[in-house]
Protein backbone atom coordinates (compact mmCIF):
# COMPACT_ATOMS: atom_id res chain seq x y z
CA MET A 1 -102.72 -79.63 95.29
CA SER A 2 -101.04 -78.92 98.63
CA PHE A 3 -102.78 -78.89 101.95
CA ALA A 4 -102.55 -75.11 101.92
CA GLY A 5 -104.35 -75.15 98.51
CA LEU A 6 -107.12 -77.34 99.84
CA ALA A 7 -107.58 -75.14 102.91
CA LEU A 8 -107.84 -72.11 100.63
CA VAL A 9 -110.46 -73.80 98.47
CA GLY A 10 -112.37 -74.73 101.63
CA ARG A 11 -112.18 -71.09 102.87
CA ILE A 12 -113.43 -69.66 99.61
CA ALA A 13 -116.23 -72.30 99.49
CA ALA A 14 -117.24 -71.49 103.05
CA LYS A 15 -117.25 -67.68 102.18
CA HIS A 16 -119.68 -68.39 99.37
CA GLY A 17 -121.75 -70.63 101.55
CA GLY A 18 -121.28 -73.64 99.27
CA GLU A 19 -118.66 -75.70 101.11
CA LEU A 20 -120.78 -78.89 100.95
CA ARG A 21 -121.41 -78.19 97.25
CA VAL A 22 -117.79 -77.67 96.35
CA ARG A 23 -116.12 -80.52 98.24
CA PRO A 24 -117.55 -83.35 96.02
CA VAL A 25 -116.52 -81.46 92.90
CA VAL A 26 -112.93 -81.03 94.26
CA ALA A 27 -112.92 -84.71 95.19
CA LEU A 28 -113.97 -85.64 91.58
CA ARG A 29 -111.37 -83.36 90.07
CA LEU A 30 -108.59 -84.48 92.42
CA PRO A 31 -109.19 -88.23 92.92
CA ARG A 32 -105.57 -88.71 93.85
CA ALA A 33 -105.30 -85.91 96.18
CA PRO A 34 -103.87 -86.90 99.62
CA ASN A 35 -106.28 -86.67 102.53
C-alpha cells in the first residue's frame, strides 16, 4: 500500500474515532508495509 493509501486509512480511522484501534490491525495485515 502506498503512503497515500496509509494516510487515507488513518484519516478514515480518525473519523470513526478508532485510529488507535485500526493501526495494529493494519500493521498485522501489512507486515511488510514500508514505514
